[in-house]
Amino acid sequence: MFKEQLKEKQQLIEKELHRILEVEENPQIIYEAMKYSVFAGGKRLRPVLCLSSCELFEGDIKKALPVACAIELIHTYSLIHDDLPAMDNDDLRRGKPTNHKVYGEAIAILAGDGLLNLAFEVLIRHALENPHDYQRILKATNEIARASGCKGMIGGQVVDILSQNTKLTYEELKFMHEHKTGALIEASVCAGAYIAGAIEEDIHALREYASLIGLAFQIKDDILDVIGEEEKLGKKVGSDREKGKVTFVNIFGLKKSQQMVVELTQKAIEILDRFGEKALFLKELSNYLIERVN
């Protein structure tokens, strides 16, 4: 049942992303580069979280769909830029050559910029086309903008770059990942709740939930970089160590890190208890994330 529901949401997202990116304009290469990374085989975790939190409050997920897809566009832009030689210098992403390996660094940078701008174009157009839901969409947009900016994802990326080949404390590492990875996951969950008209008390609970699964998700990534299979990961294993990155596995070891993932996920699921049976899909999704192999 869970896998069927997940697939249904992923298909909805995929269809909407194709609609958004149905562009036949010049210069065609920039749209080609944008599509290359958007449709490279992502799990669509963030937009699924957005739709699911909207559904939790009996909201119309069709109204959350453009918001969910905007988040995925922002996530994809961040991956393109992350892979650049000046950042992580990766050759593979999801088993395929990274954007700059196919289109060159300049077009890759512009493709990332294009996706970021397109995301906010989608959000603003959605608000203008739905004046009755304008305030809800605006709250979701504000959440996404904060999470993807210097107070969120970009701020975390800066810390990541500056901390290579240095020693970080647990608190410093946690801060970095709460911003670099966790902020957009948190925004995905909260944005869907805003679209559904959830009250602030419930959004606060969801924010705590998302913070926990965001951290668990990152620790799982660190674990997979050590024990994952390259074929399933779609990228080289052990790249964090090669780049001198500080990870949870470096600090706590493999066994403790695996235990932390389970404990954080359990705490997150406990927060969802307040929502009763309506939170079943989100609970199952949380477990799915810690069992993943890529």
C-alpha atoms as a PDB file:
ATOM      1  CA  MET A   1       0.000   0.000   0.000  1.00  0.00           C
ATOM      2  CA  PHE A   2       2.741   2.455   0.991  1.00  0.00           C
ATOM      3  CA  LYS A   3       4.800   1.781  -2.147  1.00  0.00           C
ATOM      4  CA  GLU A   4       1.718   2.250  -4.324  1.00  0.00           C
ATOM      5  CA  GLN A   5       0.928   5.582  -2.666  1.00  0.00           C
ATOM      6  CA  LEU A   6       4.551   6.686  -2.993  1.00  0.00           C
ATOM      7  CA  LYS A   7       4.628   5.777  -6.671  1.00  0.00           C
ATOM      8  CA  GLU A   8       1.352   7.628  -7.254  1.00  0.00           C
ATOM      9  CA  LYS A   9       2.760  10.812  -5.709  1.00  0.00           C
ATOM     10  CA  GLN A  10       6.025  10.469  -7.632  1.00  0.00           C
ATOM     11  CA  GLN A  11       4.106  10.102 -10.892  1.00  0.00           C
ATOM     12  CA  LEU A  12       2.038  13.218 -10.132  1.00  0.00           C
ATOM     13  CA  ILE A  13       5.235  15.159  -9.487  1.00  0.00           C
ATOM     14  CA  GLU A  14       6.926  13.793 -12.591  1.00  0.00           C
ATOM     15  CA  LYS A  15       4.003  14.763 -14.813  1.00  0.00           C
ATOM     16  CA  GLU A  16       3.908  18.300 -13.392  1.00  0.00           C
ATOM     17  CA  LEU A  17       7.675  18.747 -13.768  1.00  0.00           C
ATOM     18  CA  HIS A  18       7.385  17.754 -17.432  1.00  0.00           C
ATOM     19  CA  ARG A  19       4.587  20.285 -17.860  1.00  0.00           C
ATOM     20  CA  ILE A  20       6.632  23.057 -16.219  1.00  0.00           C
ATOM     21  CA  LEU A  21       9.663  22.275 -18.374  1.00  0.00           C
ATOM     22  CA  GLU A  22       7.801  21.972 -21.679  1.00  0.00           C
ATOM     23  CA  VAL A  23       9.759  24.872 -23.127  1.00  0.00           C
ATOM     24  CA  GLU A  24      10.661  25.235 -26.788  1.00  0.00           C
ATOM     25  CA  GLU A  25      12.521  28.526 -26.744  1.00  0.00           C
ATOM     26  CA  ASN A  26      15.983  29.770 -27.596  1.00  0.00           C
ATOM     27  CA  PRO A  27      18.664  29.274 -26.468  1.00  0.00           C
ATOM     28  CA  GLN A  28      17.552  25.626 -26.427  1.00  0.00           C
ATOM     29  CA  ILE A  29      20.755  24.352 -24.801  1.00  0.00           C
ATOM     30  CA  ILE A  30      19.918  25.937 -21.451  1.00  0.00           C
ATOM     31  CA  TYR A  31      16.536  24.179 -21.290  1.00  0.00           C
ATOM     32  CA  GLU A  32      18.180  20.946 -22.399  1.00  0.00           C
ATOM     33  CA  ALA A  33      20.733  21.242 -19.573  1.00  0.00           C
ATOM     34  CA  MET A  34      18.020  22.036 -17.018  1.00  0.00           C
ATOM     35  CA  LYS A  35      15.942  19.026 -18.097  1.00  0.00           C
ATOM     36  CA  TYR A  36      19.013  16.784 -18.091  1.00  0.00           C
ATOM     37  CA  SER A  37      19.441  17.172 -14.338  1.00  0.00           C
ATOM     38  CA  VAL A  38      15.763  17.403 -13.371  1.00  0.00           C
ATOM     39  CA  PHE A  39      14.989  14.112 -15.124  1.00  0.00           C
ATOM     40  CA  ALA A  40      18.176  12.277 -14.151  1.00  0.00           C
ATOM     41  CA  GLY A  41      16.335   9.901 -11.815  1.00  0.00           C
ATOM     42  CA  GLY A  42      15.703  11.678  -8.501  1.00  0.00           C
ATOM     43  CA  LYS A  43      13.613  10.082  -5.727  1.00  0.00           C
ATOM     44  CA  ARG A  44      11.450  13.246  -5.446  1.00  0.00           C
ATOM     45  CA  LEU A  45      11.662  13.015  -1.652  1.00  0.00           C
ATOM     46  CA  ARG A  46      11.138  16.720  -0.963  1.00  0.00           C
ATOM     47  CA  PRO A  47       8.073  17.189  -3.169  1.00  0.00           C
ATOM     48  CA  VAL A  48       6.594  13.930  -1.811  1.00  0.00           C
ATOM     49  CA  LEU A  49       7.013  15.327   1.713  1.00  0.00           C
ATOM     50  CA  CYS A  50       5.293  18.535   0.624  1.00  0.00           C
ATOM     51  CA  LEU A  51       2.295  16.708  -0.851  1.00  0.00           C
ATOM     52  CA  SER A  52       2.097  14.368   2.140  1.00  0.00           C
ATOM     53  CA  SER A  53       2.043  17.141   4.736  1.00  0.00           C
ATOM     54  CA  CYS A  54      -0.699  18.887   2.745  1.00  0.00           C
ATOM     55  CA  GLU A  55      -2.642  15.635   2.674  1.00  0.00           C
ATOM     56  CA  LEU A  56      -2.150  15.245   6.429  1.00  0.00           C
ATOM     57  CA  PHE A  57      -4.422  18.278   6.961  1.00  0.00           C
ATOM     58  CA  GLU A  58      -6.883  17.168   4.276  1.00  0.00           C
ATOM     59  CA  GLY A  59      -5.644  19.823   1.874  1.00  0.00           C
ATOM     60  CA  ASP A  60      -5.954  19.624  -1.896  1.00  0.00           C
ATOM     61  CA  ILE A  61      -2.642  18.174  -3.072  1.00  0.00           C
ATOM     62  CA  LYS A  62      -3.243  19.620  -6.553  1.00  0.00           C
ATOM     63  CA  LYS A  63      -2.828  23.043  -4.953  1.00  0.00           C
ATOM     64  CA  ALA A  64       0.394  21.882  -3.326  1.00  0.00           C
ATOM     65  CA  LEU A  65       1.755  20.320  -6.536  1.00  0.00           C
ATOM     66  CA  PRO A  66       3.309  23.471  -8.091  1.00  0.00           C
ATOM     67  CA  VAL A  67       4.879  24.276  -4.706  1.00  0.00           C
ATOM     68  CA  ALA A  68       6.270  20.750  -4.420  1.00  0.00           C
ATOM     69  CA  CYS A  69       7.753  20.943  -7.917  1.00  0.00           C
ATOM     70  CA  ALA A  70       9.302  24.353  -7.232  1.00  0.00           C
ATOM     71  CA  ILE A  71      11.124  22.766  -4.288  1.00  0.00           C
ATOM     72  CA  GLU A  72      12.424  20.001  -6.557  1.00  0.00           C
ATOM     73  CA  LEU A  73      13.698  22.597  -9.053  1.00  0.00           C
ATOM     74  CA  ILE A  74      15.602  24.334  -6.243  1.00  0.00           C
ATOM     75  CA  HIS A  75      16.980  21.017  -4.995  1.00  0.00           C
ATOM     76  CA  THR A  76      18.172  20.134  -8.513  1.00  0.00           C
ATOM     77  CA  TYR A  77      19.845  23.510  -8.975  1.00  0.00           C
ATOM     78  CA  SER A  78      21.744  22.947  -5.728  1.00  0.00           C
ATOM     79  CA  LEU A  79      22.966  19.544  -6.952  1.00  0.00           C
ATOM     80  CA  ILE A  80      24.224  20.983 -10.251  1.00  0.00           C
ATOM     81  CA  HIS A  81      26.179  23.660  -8.408  1.00  0.00           C
ATOM     82  CA  ASP A  82      27.352  21.214  -5.719  1.00  0.00           C
ATOM     83  CA  ASP A  83      28.930  19.002  -8.376  1.00  0.00           C
ATOM     84  CA  LEU A  84      30.966  21.815  -9.965  1.00  0.00           C
ATOM     85  CA  PRO A  85      34.786  21.717  -9.772  1.00  0.00           C
ATOM     86  CA  ALA A  86      34.786  24.742  -7.450  1.00  0.00           C
ATOM     87  CA  MET A  87      32.500  22.887  -5.035  1.00  0.00           C
ATOM     88  CA  ASP A  88      32.550  19.056  -4.691  1.00  0.00           C
ATOM     89  CA  ASN A  89      34.050  18.377  -8.134  1.00  0.00           C
ATOM     90  CA  ASP A  90      31.973  15.252  -8.822  1.00  0.00           C
ATOM     91  CA  ASP A  91      31.903  13.406 -12.138  1.00  0.00           C
ATOM     92  CA  LEU A  92      28.795  11.297 -11.463  1.00  0.00           C
ATOM     93  CA  ARG A  93      25.326  12.028 -10.134  1.00  0.00           C
ATOM     94  CA  ARG A  94      22.681   9.279  -9.991  1.00  0.00           C
ATOM     95  CA  GLY A  95      24.866   7.092 -12.192  1.00  0.00           C
ATOM     96  CA  LYS A  96      25.140   9.651 -14.983  1.00  0.00           C
ATOM     97  CA  PRO A  97      27.799  12.235 -15.853  1.00  0.00           C
ATOM     98  CA  THR A  98      27.243  15.434 -13.872  1.00  0.00           C
ATOM     99  CA  ASN A  99      25.795  18.450 -15.662  1.00  0.00           C
ATOM    100  CA  HIS A 100      29.108  20.250 -16.158  1.00  0.00           C
ATOM    101  CA  LYS A 101      30.671  17.087 -17.593  1.00  0.00           C
ATOM    102  CA  VAL A 102      28.027  17.088 -20.326  1.00  0.00           C
ATOM    103  CA  TYR A 103      27.428  20.797 -20.955  1.00  0.00           C
ATOM    104  CA  GLY A 104      30.540  22.496 -19.569  1.00  0.00           C
ATOM    105  CA  GLU A 105      30.911  24.570 -16.423  1.00  0.00           C
ATOM    106  CA  ALA A 106      29.414  27.794 -17.763  1.00  0.00           C
ATOM    107  CA  ILE A 107      26.177  26.209 -19.005  1.00  0.00           C
ATOM    108  CA  ALA A 108      25.933  24.111 -15.820  1.00  0.00           C
ATOM    109  CA  ILE A 109      26.132  27.254 -13.674  1.00  0.00           C
ATOM    110  CA  LEU A 110      23.480  28.932 -15.811  1.00  0.00           C
ATOM    111  CA  ALA A 111      21.276  25.815 -15.768  1.00  0.00           C
ATOM    112  CA  GLY A 112      21.343  25.929 -11.968  1.00  0.00           C
ATOM    113  CA  ASP A 113      20.532  29.645 -12.027  1.00  0.00           C
ATOM    114  CA  GLY A 114      17.726  28.968 -14.499  1.00  0.00           C
ATOM    115  CA  LEU A 115      16.145  26.321 -12.273  1.00  0.00           C
ATOM    116  CA  LEU A 116      16.301  28.558  -9.201  1.00  0.00           C
ATOM    117  CA  ASN A 117      14.601  31.419 -11.037  1.00  0.00           C
ATOM    118  CA  LEU A 118      12.054  29.092 -12.616  1.00  0.00           C
ATOM    119  CA  ALA A 119      11.126  27.796  -9.167  1.00  0.00           C
ATOM    120  CA  PHE A 120      10.111  31.245  -7.973  1.00  0.00           C
ATOM    121  CA  GLU A 121       8.374  31.976 -11.276  1.00  0.00           C
ATOM    122  CA  VAL A 122       6.263  28.835 -10.656  1.00  0.00           C
ATOM    123  CA  LEU A 123       5.478  29.900  -7.082  1.00  0.00           C
ATOM    124  CA  ILE A 124       4.541  33.481  -7.967  1.00  0.00           C
ATOM    125  CA  ARG A 125       2.416  32.411 -10.944  1.00  0.00           C
ATOM    126  CA  HIS A 126       0.639  29.886  -8.702  1.00  0.00           C
ATOM    127  CA  ALA A 127      -0.189  32.660  -6.216  1.00  0.00           C
ATOM    128  CA  LEU A 128      -1.438  35.016  -8.937  1.00  0.00           C
ATOM    129  CA  GLU A 129      -3.626  32.316 -10.464  1.00  0.00           C
ATOM    130  CA  ASN A 130      -5.138  31.412  -7.073  1.00  0.00           C
ATOM    131  CA  PRO A 131      -6.031  34.697  -5.337  1.00  0.00           C
ATOM    132  CA  HIS A 132      -8.189  32.926  -2.733  1.00  0.00           C
ATOM    133  CA  ASP A 133      -5.169  30.908  -1.623  1.00  0.00           C
ATOM    134  CA  TYR A 134      -2.713  33.781  -2.045  1.00  0.00           C
ATOM    135  CA  GLN A 135      -1.766  34.076   1.648  1.00  0.00           C
ATOM    136  CA  ARG A 136      -1.172  30.355   2.031  1.00  0.00           C
ATOM    137  CA  ILE A 137       1.000  30.202  -1.092  1.00  0.00           C
ATOM    138  CA  LEU A 138       2.891  33.301   0.044  1.00  0.00           C
ATOM    139  CA  LYS A 139       3.651  31.695   3.429  1.00  0.00           C
ATOM    140  CA  ALA A 140       4.903  28.568   1.674  1.00  0.00           C
ATOM    141  CA  THR A 141       7.018  30.674  -0.702  1.00  0.00           C
ATOM    142  CA  ASN A 142       8.558  32.597   2.184  1.00  0.00           C
ATOM    143  CA  GLU A 143       9.399  29.302   3.910  1.00  0.00           C
ATOM    144  CA  ILE A 144      11.095  27.976   0.772  1.00  0.00           C
ATOM    145  CA  ALA A 145      13.000  31.206   0.088  1.00  0.00           C
ATOM    146  CA  ARG A 146      14.415  31.289   3.619  1.00  0.00           C
ATOM    147  CA  ALA A 147      15.379  27.619   3.545  1.00  0.00           C
ATOM    148  CA  SER A 148      17.173  27.868   0.210  1.00  0.00           C
ATOM    149  CA  GLY A 149      19.070  31.062   1.053  1.00  0.00           C
ATOM    150  CA  CYS A 150      21.952  32.101   3.306  1.00  0.00           C
ATOM    151  CA  LYS A 151      19.967  31.278   6.457  1.00  0.00           C
ATOM    152  CA  GLY A 152      19.459  27.759   5.133  1.00  0.00           C
ATOM    153  CA  MET A 153      20.970  25.699   2.338  1.00  0.00           C
ATOM    154  CA  ILE A 154      23.522  28.217   1.050  1.00  0.00           C
ATOM    155  CA  GLY A 155      24.731  28.967   4.573  1.00  0.00           C
ATOM    156  CA  GLY A 156      25.246  25.240   5.159  1.00  0.00           C
ATOM    157  CA  GLN A 157      27.129  24.883   1.881  1.00  0.00           C
ATOM    158  CA  VAL A 158      29.489  27.689   2.906  1.00  0.00           C
ATOM    159  CA  VAL A 159      30.278  25.932   6.187  1.00  0.00           C
ATOM    160  CA  ASP A 160      30.805  22.682   4.257  1.00  0.00           C
ATOM    161  CA  ILE A 161      33.351  24.310   1.931  1.00  0.00           C
ATOM    162  CA  LEU A 162      35.230  26.102   4.714  1.00  0.00           C
ATOM    163  CA  SER A 163      35.350  23.024   6.957  1.00  0.00           C
ATOM    164  CA  GLN A 164      37.099  20.653   4.564  1.00  0.00           C
ATOM    165  CA  ASN A 165      40.315  19.217   6.006  1.00  0.00           C
ATOM    166  CA  THR A 166      39.503  20.714   9.410  1.00  0.00           C
ATOM    167  CA  LYS A 167      38.079  19.262  12.622  1.00  0.00           C
ATOM    168  CA  LEU A 168      34.467  19.968  13.523  1.00  0.00           C
ATOM    169  CA  THR A 169      32.626  19.304  16.762  1.00  0.00           C
ATOM    170  CA  TYR A 170      29.330  17.428  16.679  1.00  0.00           C
ATOM    171  CA  GLU A 171      27.427  20.693  17.186  1.00  0.00           C
ATOM    172  CA  GLU A 172      29.258  22.354  14.255  1.00  0.00           C
ATOM    173  CA  LEU A 173      28.609  19.358  12.005  1.00  0.00           C
ATOM    174  CA  LYS A 174      24.952  19.284  13.075  1.00  0.00           C
ATOM    175  CA  PHE A 175      24.625  23.020  12.322  1.00  0.00           C
ATOM    176  CA  MET A 176      26.099  22.521   8.855  1.00  0.00           C
ATOM    177  CA  HIS A 177      23.731  19.716   7.913  1.00  0.00           C
ATOM    178  CA  GLU A 178      20.659  21.284   9.514  1.00  0.00           C
ATOM    179  CA  HIS A 179      21.219  24.122   7.067  1.00  0.00           C
ATOM    180  CA  LYS A 180      22.663  22.425   3.989  1.00  0.00           C
ATOM    181  CA  THR A 181      20.316  19.417   3.893  1.00  0.00           C
ATOM    182  CA  GLY A 182      17.745  19.817   6.655  1.00  0.00           C
ATOM    183  CA  ALA A 183      16.457  23.305   5.845  1.00  0.00           C
ATOM    184  CA  LEU A 184      14.925  22.376   2.484  1.00  0.00           C
ATOM    185  CA  ILE A 185      13.463  19.153   3.910  1.00  0.00           C
ATOM    186  CA  GLU A 186      11.905  21.212   6.713  1.00  0.00           C
ATOM    187  CA  ALA A 187      10.574  23.748   4.208  1.00  0.00           C
ATOM    188  CA  SER A 188       9.072  20.951   2.103  1.00  0.00           C
ATOM    189  CA  VAL A 189       7.061  19.639   5.054  1.00  0.00           C
ATOM    190  CA  CYS A 190       6.004  23.069   6.315  1.00  0.00           C
ATOM    191  CA  ALA A 191       5.114  24.415   2.850  1.00  0.00           C
ATOM    192  CA  GLY A 192       2.621  21.605   2.290  1.00  0.00           C
ATOM    193  CA  ALA A 193       1.067  22.265   5.686  1.00  0.00           C
ATOM    194  CA  TYR A 194       0.756  25.994   4.913  1.00  0.00           C
ATOM    195  CA  ILE A 195      -1.029  25.219   1.630  1.00  0.00           C
ATOM    196  CA  ALA A 196      -3.532  23.092   3.565  1.00  0.00           C
ATOM    197  CA  GLY A 197      -4.118  25.903   6.081  1.00  0.00           C
ATOM    198  CA  ALA A 198      -2.596  24.147   9.105  1.00  0.00           C
ATOM    199  CA  ILE A 199      -2.416  26.075  12.372  1.00  0.00           C
ATOM    200  CA  GLU A 200       0.963  27.242  13.696  1.00  0.00           C
ATOM    201  CA  GLU A 201       0.936  24.750  16.575  1.00  0.00           C
ATOM    202  CA  ASP A 202       0.768  21.851  14.107  1.00  0.00           C
ATOM    203  CA  ILE A 203       3.348  23.410  11.815  1.00  0.00           C
ATOM    204  CA  HIS A 204       5.695  23.758  14.796  1.00  0.00           C
ATOM    205  CA  ALA A 205       5.328  20.017  15.483  1.00  0.00           C
ATOM    206  CA  LEU A 206       5.987  19.223  11.821  1.00  0.00           C
ATOM    207  CA  ARG A 207       9.052  21.452  11.888  1.00  0.00           C
ATOM    208  CA  GLU A 208      10.472  19.360  14.747  1.00  0.00           C
ATOM    209  CA  TYR A 209       9.607  16.168  12.868  1.00  0.00           C
ATOM    210  CA  ALA A 210      11.305  17.402   9.668  1.00  0.00           C
ATOM    211  CA  SER A 211      14.399  18.538  11.563  1.00  0.00           C
ATOM    212  CA  LEU A 212      14.844  15.026  12.945  1.00  0.00           C
ATOM    213  CA  ILE A 213      14.330  13.186   9.661  1.00  0.00           C
ATOM    214  CA  GLY A 214      16.563  15.697   7.885  1.00  0.00           C
ATOM    215  CA  LEU A 215      19.413  14.892  10.266  1.00  0.00           C
ATOM    216  CA  ALA A 216      18.727  11.151  10.014  1.00  0.00           C
ATOM    217  CA  PHE A 217      18.751  11.472   6.218  1.00  0.00           C
ATOM    218  CA  GLN A 218      22.177  13.135   6.249  1.00  0.00           C
ATOM    219  CA  ILE A 219      23.700  10.602   8.655  1.00  0.00           C
ATOM    220  CA  LYS A 220      22.362   7.834   6.390  1.00  0.00           C
ATOM    221  CA  ASP A 221      24.100   9.566   3.455  1.00  0.00           C
ATOM    222  CA  ASP A 222      27.363   9.558   5.421  1.00  0.00           C
ATOM    223  CA  ILE A 223      26.907   5.840   6.155  1.00  0.00           C
ATOM    224  CA  LEU A 224      26.197   5.009   2.506  1.00  0.00           C
ATOM    225  CA  ASP A 225      29.355   6.842   1.472  1.00  0.00           C
ATOM    226  CA  VAL A 226      31.252   4.245   3.524  1.00  0.00           C
ATOM    227  CA  ILE A 227      29.306   1.003   3.007  1.00  0.00           C
ATOM    228  CA  GLY A 228      27.045   1.723   0.020  1.00  0.00           C
ATOM    229  CA  GLU A 229      27.306   0.062  -3.376  1.00  0.00           C
ATOM    230  CA  GLU A 230      28.515   2.379  -6.152  1.00  0.00           C
ATOM    231  CA  GLU A 231      26.104   0.862  -8.670  1.00  0.00           C
ATOM    232  CA  LYS A 232      23.095   1.588  -6.432  1.00  0.00           C
ATOM    233  CA  LEU A 233      24.371   4.951  -5.192  1.00  0.00           C
ATOM    234  CA  GLY A 234      25.142   6.167  -8.716  1.00  0.00           C
ATOM    235  CA  LYS A 235      28.354   7.805  -7.521  1.00  0.00           C
ATOM    236  CA  LYS A 236      31.738   6.907  -6.128  1.00  0.00           C
ATOM    237  CA  VAL A 237      31.848   5.477  -2.596  1.00  0.00           C
ATOM    238  CA  GLY A 238      34.365   7.034  -0.205  1.00  0.00           C
ATOM    239  CA  SER A 239      34.342  10.461  -1.838  1.00  0.00           C
ATOM    240  CA  ASP A 240      33.784  12.257   1.494  1.00  0.00           C
ATOM    241  CA  ARG A 241      37.007  10.831   2.900  1.00  0.00           C
ATOM    242  CA  GLU A 242      38.942  11.707  -0.270  1.00  0.00           C
ATOM    243  CA  LYS A 243      37.762  15.321  -0.071  1.00  0.00           C
ATOM    244  CA  GLY A 244      38.672  15.640   3.614  1.00  0.00           C
ATOM    245  CA  LYS A 245      35.054  16.119   4.692  1.00  0.00           C
ATOM    246  CA  VAL A 246      33.984  15.699   8.283  1.00  0.00           C
ATOM    247  CA  THR A 247      31.091  13.224   8.580  1.00  0.00           C
ATOM    248  CA  PHE A 248      29.081  11.633  11.354  1.00  0.00           C
ATOM    249  CA  VAL A 249      30.879   8.349  10.659  1.00  0.00           C
ATOM    250  CA  ASN A 250      34.243  10.129  11.192  1.00  0.00           C
ATOM    251  CA  ILE A 251      33.131  11.401  14.588  1.00  0.00           C
ATOM    252  CA  PHE A 252      30.985   8.559  15.936  1.00  0.00           C
ATOM    253  CA  GLY A 253      31.973   5.508  13.926  1.00  0.00           C
ATOM    254  CA  LEU A 254      29.748   3.355  11.746  1.00  0.00           C
ATOM    255  CA  LYS A 255      27.818   1.441  14.421  1.00  0.00           C
ATOM    256  CA  LYS A 256      26.936   4.520  16.484  1.00  0.00           C
ATOM    257  CA  SER A 257      25.942   6.441  13.339  1.00  0.00           C
ATOM    258  CA  GLN A 258      23.573   3.637  12.321  1.00  0.00           C
ATOM    259  CA  GLN A 259      22.081   3.703  15.819  1.00  0.00           C
ATOM    260  CA  MET A 260      21.624   7.488  15.614  1.00  0.00           C
ATOM    261  CA  VAL A 261      19.667   7.160  12.357  1.00  0.00           C
ATOM    262  CA  VAL A 262      17.234   4.725  14.003  1.00  0.00           C
ATOM    263  CA  GLU A 263      16.858   6.834  17.170  1.00  0.00           C
ATOM    264  CA  LEU A 264      16.276  10.096  15.292  1.00  0.00           C
ATOM    265  CA  THR A 265      13.692   8.442  13.047  1.00  0.00           C
ATOM    266  CA  GLN A 266      11.861   6.939  16.020  1.00  0.00           C
ATOM    267  CA  LYS A 267      11.702  10.356  17.706  1.00  0.00           C
ATOM    268  CA  ALA A 268      10.381  11.883  14.482  1.00  0.00           C
ATOM    269  CA  ILE A 269       7.673   9.226  14.179  1.00  0.00           C
ATOM    270  CA  GLU A 270       6.626   9.789  17.806  1.00  0.00           C
ATOM    271  CA  ILE A 271       5.951  13.456  17.003  1.00  0.00           C
ATOM    272  CA  LEU A 272       3.538  12.329  14.281  1.00  0.00           C
ATOM    273  CA  ASP A 273       1.472  10.370  16.824  1.00  0.00           C
ATOM    274  CA  ARG A 274      -0.486  13.557  17.571  1.00  0.00           C
ATOM    275  CA  PHE A 275      -2.008  13.366  14.082  1.00  0.00           C
ATOM    276  CA  GLY A 276      -3.345   9.826  14.460  1.00  0.00           C
ATOM    277  CA  GLU A 277      -3.911   7.510  11.495  1.00  0.00           C
ATOM    278  CA  LYS A 278      -3.701  10.390   9.024  1.00  0.00           C
ATOM    279  CA  ALA A 279       0.079  10.411   9.570  1.00  0.00           C
ATOM    280  CA  LEU A 280       0.543   6.759   8.582  1.00  0.00           C
ATOM    281  CA  PHE A 281       2.047   7.525   5.165  1.00  0.00           C
ATOM    282  CA  LEU A 282       4.531  10.018   6.638  1.00  0.00           C
ATOM    283  CA  LYS A 283       5.537   7.469   9.273  1.00  0.00           C
ATOM    284  CA  GLU A 284       6.115   4.802   6.643  1.00  0.00           C
ATOM    285  CA  LEU A 285       8.023   7.295   4.497  1.00  0.00           C
ATOM    286  CA  SER A 286      10.273   8.065   7.468  1.00  0.00           C
ATOM    287  CA  ASN A 287      11.130   4.369   7.847  1.00  0.00           C
ATOM    288  CA  TYR A 288      11.618   4.042   4.091  1.00  0.00           C
ATOM    289  CA  LEU A 289      14.274   6.779   4.198  1.00  0.00           C
ATOM    290  CA  ILE A 290      16.454   4.948   6.718  1.00  0.00           C
ATOM    291  CA  GLU A 291      16.193   1.660   4.829  1.00  0.00           C
ATOM    292  CA  ARG A 292      17.227   3.172   1.478  1.00  0.00           C
ATOM    293  CA  VAL A 293      20.340   2.053  -0.395  1.00  0.00           C
ATOM    294  CA  ASN A 294      20.834   5.281  -2.381  1.00  0.00           C
END
